[in-house]
Amino acid sequence: MRGAWAELLFADEALPATRPVRDPVLPAQPSASARAKKRQRQSPAGDPVHSFETLLAHLATQTRNTCRLQKQGPKGFADVTVEEITEPTALQARAAELVELFPVDRSPN
C-alpha cells in the first residue's frame, strides 16, 4: 500500500531507482523531489501530501449507509433496504485508482 500510494505520502518515490547506484554503507539521502515535497507539503501535482496514518484516516471517512424503510402495501408492511455509498473525495478516488493500478502477485509461493 505504501508503494502504491507513494505519490500521496511523504515517501521518496526516487529511492528505489537509486538503490543500485548508491553506497550501501552510507545512509540513504532523500532526493530533491522528496525534500521539496516535505518542505512544501504538496506533491509535484499540487495535491497535499499525507503521512500513512492521516491518509488512512481520510480514507475512512467514506461510508456506506444502509437505510431500512417500511412500505405499506395491500397485505401490510414490507421492509425495503437501500444501500448508499458516499461520493469519494478527489483524494479518495486517486488513492483507489493507485491501488487498482498497483500490480499484485497472487501466484502461490
N, C-alpha and C. Protein backbone atom coordinates (compact mmCIF):
# COMPACT_ATOMS: atom_id res chain seq x y z
N MET A 1 0.83 -1.19 0.00
CA MET A 1 0.00 0.00 0.00
C MET A 1 0.87 1.25 0.00
N ARG A 2 1.91 1.24 0.80
CA ARG A 2 2.79 2.41 0.84
C ARG A 2 3.42 2.66 -0.52
N GLY A 3 3.78 1.58 -1.21
CA GLY A 3 4.36 1.73 -2.54
C GLY A 3 3.36 2.28 -3.54
N ALA A 4 2.14 1.80 -3.47
CA ALA A 4 1.10 2.26 -4.39
C ALA A 4 0.74 3.72 -4.13
N TRP A 5 0.73 4.12 -2.87
CA TRP A 5 0.33 5.47 -2.50
C TRP A 5 1.51 6.43 -2.34
N ALA A 6 2.68 6.08 -2.83
CA ALA A 6 3.88 6.89 -2.61
C ALA A 6 3.70 8.35 -3.03
N GLU A 7 2.98 8.59 -4.11
CA GLU A 7 2.81 9.97 -4.55
C GLU A 7 1.92 10.78 -3.62
N LEU A 8 1.08 10.12 -2.82
CA LEU A 8 0.20 10.80 -1.88
C LEU A 8 0.84 10.97 -0.50
N LEU A 9 1.95 10.27 -0.27
CA LEU A 9 2.62 10.26 1.03
C LEU A 9 3.90 11.08 0.99
N PHE A 10 4.50 11.27 2.15
CA PHE A 10 5.79 11.93 2.24
C PHE A 10 6.93 11.02 1.80
N ALA A 11 6.63 9.92 1.15
CA ALA A 11 7.63 8.93 0.73
C ALA A 11 8.49 9.47 -0.41
N ASP A 12 9.72 8.99 -0.47
CA ASP A 12 10.65 9.34 -1.53
C ASP A 12 10.43 8.37 -2.68
N GLU A 13 9.82 8.84 -3.76
CA GLU A 13 9.49 7.98 -4.89
C GLU A 13 10.73 7.58 -5.69
N ALA A 14 11.81 8.35 -5.59
CA ALA A 14 13.02 8.07 -6.36
C ALA A 14 13.95 7.09 -5.64
N LEU A 15 13.71 6.79 -4.40
CA LEU A 15 14.60 5.94 -3.61
C LEU A 15 14.82 4.55 -4.21
N PRO A 16 13.80 3.83 -4.64
CA PRO A 16 14.05 2.51 -5.24
C PRO A 16 14.89 2.57 -6.52
N ALA A 17 14.76 3.63 -7.29
CA ALA A 17 15.51 3.75 -8.53
C ALA A 17 17.00 4.00 -8.27
N THR A 18 17.32 4.67 -7.16
CA THR A 18 18.72 4.97 -6.86
C THR A 18 19.40 3.86 -6.06
N ARG A 19 18.64 2.88 -5.63
CA ARG A 19 19.19 1.80 -4.81
C ARG A 19 20.40 1.09 -5.44
N PRO A 20 20.40 0.76 -6.73
CA PRO A 20 21.55 0.04 -7.30
C PRO A 20 22.83 0.87 -7.39
N VAL A 21 22.73 2.20 -7.39
CA VAL A 21 23.92 3.03 -7.62
C VAL A 21 24.44 3.73 -6.37
N ARG A 22 23.69 3.72 -5.29
CA ARG A 22 24.16 4.44 -4.11
C ARG A 22 25.04 3.55 -3.22
N ASP A 23 25.80 4.17 -2.36
CA ASP A 23 26.71 3.46 -1.45
C ASP A 23 25.88 2.71 -0.41
N PRO A 24 26.05 1.40 -0.28
CA PRO A 24 25.23 0.62 0.65
C PRO A 24 25.57 0.87 2.11
N VAL A 25 26.71 1.49 2.39
CA VAL A 25 27.11 1.72 3.77
C VAL A 25 26.56 3.04 4.29
N LEU A 26 26.53 4.06 3.44
CA LEU A 26 26.04 5.37 3.86
C LEU A 26 24.52 5.38 3.96
N PRO A 27 23.99 6.19 4.86
CA PRO A 27 22.53 6.30 4.93
C PRO A 27 21.98 6.89 3.63
N ALA A 28 20.79 6.47 3.24
CA ALA A 28 20.16 6.99 2.02
C ALA A 28 19.83 8.46 2.20
N GLN A 29 20.13 9.25 1.19
CA GLN A 29 19.80 10.67 1.19
C GLN A 29 18.52 10.88 0.40
N PRO A 30 17.60 11.70 0.91
CA PRO A 30 16.37 11.94 0.17
C PRO A 30 16.65 12.68 -1.14
N SER A 31 15.85 12.41 -2.14
CA SER A 31 16.01 13.08 -3.42
C SER A 31 15.52 14.53 -3.30
N ALA A 32 15.83 15.31 -4.31
CA ALA A 32 15.40 16.72 -4.32
C ALA A 32 13.88 16.81 -4.34
N SER A 33 13.22 15.91 -5.07
CA SER A 33 11.76 15.95 -5.12
C SER A 33 11.15 15.59 -3.76
N ALA A 34 11.78 14.66 -3.03
CA ALA A 34 11.28 14.30 -1.69
C ALA A 34 11.48 15.46 -0.71
N ARG A 35 12.61 16.14 -0.81
CA ARG A 35 12.83 17.30 0.07
C ARG A 35 11.82 18.40 -0.24
N ALA A 36 11.54 18.63 -1.53
CA ALA A 36 10.56 19.66 -1.91
C ALA A 36 9.17 19.28 -1.43
N LYS A 37 8.83 18.00 -1.54
CA LYS A 37 7.53 17.52 -1.09
C LYS A 37 7.36 17.74 0.41
N LYS A 38 8.42 17.48 1.16
CA LYS A 38 8.36 17.65 2.61
C LYS A 38 8.30 19.13 2.99
N ARG A 39 9.08 19.95 2.29
CA ARG A 39 9.12 21.38 2.60
C ARG A 39 7.81 22.07 2.24
N GLN A 40 7.27 21.77 1.06
CA GLN A 40 6.06 22.44 0.57
C GLN A 40 4.77 21.78 1.05
N ARG A 41 4.89 20.53 1.54
CA ARG A 41 3.73 19.75 1.96
C ARG A 41 2.74 19.56 0.83
N GLN A 42 3.29 19.48 -0.40
CA GLN A 42 2.48 19.26 -1.59
C GLN A 42 3.21 18.31 -2.53
N SER A 43 2.45 17.56 -3.28
CA SER A 43 3.04 16.70 -4.31
C SER A 43 3.42 17.57 -5.50
N PRO A 44 4.21 17.06 -6.44
CA PRO A 44 4.52 17.85 -7.63
C PRO A 44 3.26 18.28 -8.40
N ALA A 45 2.18 17.53 -8.28
CA ALA A 45 0.92 17.89 -8.93
C ALA A 45 0.16 18.98 -8.18
N GLY A 46 0.65 19.34 -6.98
CA GLY A 46 0.00 20.39 -6.19
C GLY A 46 -0.99 19.88 -5.16
N ASP A 47 -1.12 18.57 -5.03
CA ASP A 47 -2.03 17.99 -4.04
C ASP A 47 -1.35 17.91 -2.69
N PRO A 48 -2.10 18.04 -1.57
CA PRO A 48 -1.48 17.90 -0.26
C PRO A 48 -0.98 16.47 -0.04
N VAL A 49 0.16 16.32 0.62
CA VAL A 49 0.69 15.00 0.94
C VAL A 49 0.37 14.66 2.39
N HIS A 50 0.37 13.39 2.69
CA HIS A 50 -0.05 12.89 4.00
C HIS A 50 0.96 11.91 4.56
N SER A 51 0.86 11.68 5.85
CA SER A 51 1.52 10.51 6.43
C SER A 51 0.59 9.33 6.15
N PHE A 52 1.08 8.13 6.32
CA PHE A 52 0.26 6.94 6.06
C PHE A 52 -0.97 6.96 6.97
N GLU A 53 -0.78 7.36 8.21
CA GLU A 53 -1.89 7.36 9.18
C GLU A 53 -2.95 8.39 8.82
N THR A 54 -2.54 9.61 8.42
CA THR A 54 -3.54 10.63 8.08
C THR A 54 -4.26 10.28 6.79
N LEU A 55 -3.56 9.62 5.86
CA LEU A 55 -4.22 9.18 4.63
C LEU A 55 -5.28 8.14 4.95
N LEU A 56 -4.94 7.16 5.80
CA LEU A 56 -5.93 6.15 6.19
C LEU A 56 -7.11 6.79 6.91
N ALA A 57 -6.84 7.78 7.75
CA ALA A 57 -7.93 8.45 8.46
C ALA A 57 -8.86 9.16 7.48
N HIS A 58 -8.29 9.78 6.46
CA HIS A 58 -9.12 10.44 5.45
C HIS A 58 -9.92 9.42 4.63
N LEU A 59 -9.28 8.31 4.27
CA LEU A 59 -9.98 7.28 3.50
C LEU A 59 -11.12 6.66 4.30
N ALA A 60 -10.99 6.64 5.62
CA ALA A 60 -12.02 6.05 6.48
C ALA A 60 -13.28 6.89 6.56
N THR A 61 -13.27 8.11 6.02
CA THR A 61 -14.46 8.95 6.10
C THR A 61 -15.49 8.61 5.04
N GLN A 62 -15.12 7.79 4.05
CA GLN A 62 -16.10 7.36 3.07
C GLN A 62 -16.95 6.25 3.72
N THR A 63 -18.24 6.37 3.61
CA THR A 63 -19.12 5.44 4.32
C THR A 63 -20.15 4.79 3.39
N ARG A 64 -20.69 3.69 3.89
CA ARG A 64 -21.82 3.04 3.24
C ARG A 64 -22.98 3.14 4.23
N ASN A 65 -24.04 3.77 3.79
CA ASN A 65 -25.23 3.95 4.63
C ASN A 65 -26.30 2.95 4.20
N THR A 66 -26.86 2.25 5.16
CA THR A 66 -27.95 1.32 4.89
C THR A 66 -29.22 1.91 5.48
N CYS A 67 -30.18 2.15 4.62
CA CYS A 67 -31.47 2.70 5.05
C CYS A 67 -32.53 1.62 4.93
N ARG A 68 -33.28 1.46 5.98
CA ARG A 68 -34.34 0.45 6.00
C ARG A 68 -35.67 1.17 6.13
N LEU A 69 -36.50 0.97 5.16
CA LEU A 69 -37.79 1.66 5.11
C LEU A 69 -38.91 0.64 5.21
N GLN A 70 -40.02 1.10 5.76
CA GLN A 70 -41.21 0.26 5.78
C GLN A 70 -42.18 0.80 4.74
N LYS A 71 -42.60 -0.07 3.87
CA LYS A 71 -43.52 0.31 2.81
C LYS A 71 -44.86 -0.37 3.07
N GLN A 72 -45.91 0.42 3.04
CA GLN A 72 -47.23 -0.16 3.27
C GLN A 72 -47.80 -0.62 1.94
N GLY A 73 -48.15 -1.85 1.89
CA GLY A 73 -48.73 -2.43 0.69
C GLY A 73 -50.12 -2.97 0.98
N PRO A 74 -50.71 -3.63 0.01
CA PRO A 74 -52.07 -4.15 0.21
C PRO A 74 -52.15 -5.26 1.26
N LYS A 75 -51.02 -5.94 1.52
CA LYS A 75 -51.01 -7.03 2.50
C LYS A 75 -50.28 -6.64 3.77
N GLY A 76 -50.14 -5.38 4.04
CA GLY A 76 -49.45 -4.95 5.26
C GLY A 76 -48.15 -4.24 4.94
N PHE A 77 -47.24 -4.24 5.92
CA PHE A 77 -45.97 -3.54 5.76
C PHE A 77 -44.89 -4.49 5.23
N ALA A 78 -44.02 -3.95 4.37
CA ALA A 78 -42.88 -4.70 3.85
C ALA A 78 -41.62 -3.85 4.05
N ASP A 79 -40.53 -4.51 4.44
CA ASP A 79 -39.27 -3.78 4.63
C ASP A 79 -38.55 -3.64 3.29
N VAL A 80 -38.05 -2.45 3.03
CA VAL A 80 -37.25 -2.18 1.84
C VAL A 80 -35.90 -1.66 2.33
N THR A 81 -34.81 -2.27 1.88
CA THR A 81 -33.47 -1.87 2.29
C THR A 81 -32.75 -1.24 1.10
N VAL A 82 -32.16 -0.08 1.34
CA VAL A 82 -31.42 0.65 0.31
C VAL A 82 -30.03 0.94 0.86
N GLU A 83 -29.00 0.62 0.06
CA GLU A 83 -27.63 0.93 0.47
C GLU A 83 -27.10 2.05 -0.41
N GLU A 84 -26.41 2.98 0.24
CA GLU A 84 -25.85 4.12 -0.48
C GLU A 84 -24.41 4.32 -0.02
N ILE A 85 -23.48 4.46 -0.98
CA ILE A 85 -22.08 4.74 -0.66
C ILE A 85 -21.84 6.21 -0.96
N THR A 86 -21.22 6.89 -0.02
CA THR A 86 -20.97 8.32 -0.21
C THR A 86 -20.02 8.54 -1.38
N GLU A 87 -20.15 9.68 -2.00
CA GLU A 87 -19.29 10.05 -3.14
C GLU A 87 -17.87 10.25 -2.63
N PRO A 88 -16.86 9.63 -3.27
CA PRO A 88 -15.48 9.79 -2.80
C PRO A 88 -14.95 11.19 -3.09
N THR A 89 -14.09 11.67 -2.20
CA THR A 89 -13.39 12.93 -2.46
C THR A 89 -12.36 12.67 -3.55
N ALA A 90 -11.74 13.73 -4.04
CA ALA A 90 -10.71 13.58 -5.07
C ALA A 90 -9.55 12.72 -4.55
N LEU A 91 -9.18 12.92 -3.29
CA LEU A 91 -8.09 12.14 -2.70
C LEU A 91 -8.48 10.67 -2.57
N GLN A 92 -9.70 10.39 -2.14
CA GLN A 92 -10.16 9.01 -2.01
C GLN A 92 -10.21 8.32 -3.38
N ALA A 93 -10.65 9.04 -4.39
CA ALA A 93 -10.72 8.48 -5.73
C ALA A 93 -9.32 8.19 -6.27
N ARG A 94 -8.37 9.10 -6.04
CA ARG A 94 -7.00 8.90 -6.51
C ARG A 94 -6.34 7.72 -5.78
N ALA A 95 -6.57 7.61 -4.48
CA ALA A 95 -6.00 6.50 -3.71
C ALA A 95 -6.54 5.16 -4.21
N ALA A 96 -7.83 5.10 -4.50
CA ALA A 96 -8.42 3.86 -5.03
C ALA A 96 -7.85 3.55 -6.40
N GLU A 97 -7.68 4.57 -7.22
CA GLU A 97 -7.11 4.37 -8.55
C GLU A 97 -5.68 3.84 -8.47
N LEU A 98 -4.88 4.37 -7.55
CA LEU A 98 -3.50 3.93 -7.41
C LEU A 98 -3.41 2.48 -6.93
N VAL A 99 -4.28 2.09 -6.02
CA VAL A 99 -4.26 0.72 -5.51
C VAL A 99 -4.66 -0.25 -6.61
N GLU A 100 -5.63 0.11 -7.42
CA GLU A 100 -6.05 -0.77 -8.51
C GLU A 100 -4.98 -0.91 -9.57
N LEU A 101 -4.14 0.13 -9.75
CA LEU A 101 -3.08 0.08 -10.75
C LEU A 101 -1.84 -0.65 -10.25
N PHE A 102 -1.75 -0.82 -8.92
CA PHE A 102 -0.56 -1.44 -8.34
C PHE A 102 -0.62 -2.94 -8.58
N PRO A 103 0.41 -3.53 -9.22
CA PRO A 103 0.36 -4.96 -9.51
C PRO A 103 0.46 -5.80 -8.24
N VAL A 104 -0.34 -6.84 -8.17
CA VAL A 104 -0.34 -7.74 -7.02
C VAL A 104 -0.06 -9.15 -7.55
N ASP A 105 0.95 -9.81 -6.97
CA ASP A 105 1.28 -11.17 -7.36
C ASP A 105 0.43 -12.13 -6.54
N ARG A 106 -0.50 -12.78 -7.18
CA ARG A 106 -1.41 -13.70 -6.49
C ARG A 106 -1.04 -15.16 -6.72
N SER A 107 0.12 -15.40 -7.28
CA SER A 107 0.52 -16.79 -7.53
C SER A 107 0.97 -17.44 -6.22
N PRO A 108 0.71 -18.74 -6.07
CA PRO A 108 1.16 -19.42 -4.84
C PRO A 108 2.68 -19.53 -4.81
N ASN A 109 3.24 -19.44 -3.62
CA ASN A 109 4.71 -19.49 -3.48
C ASN A 109 5.24 -20.87 -3.57
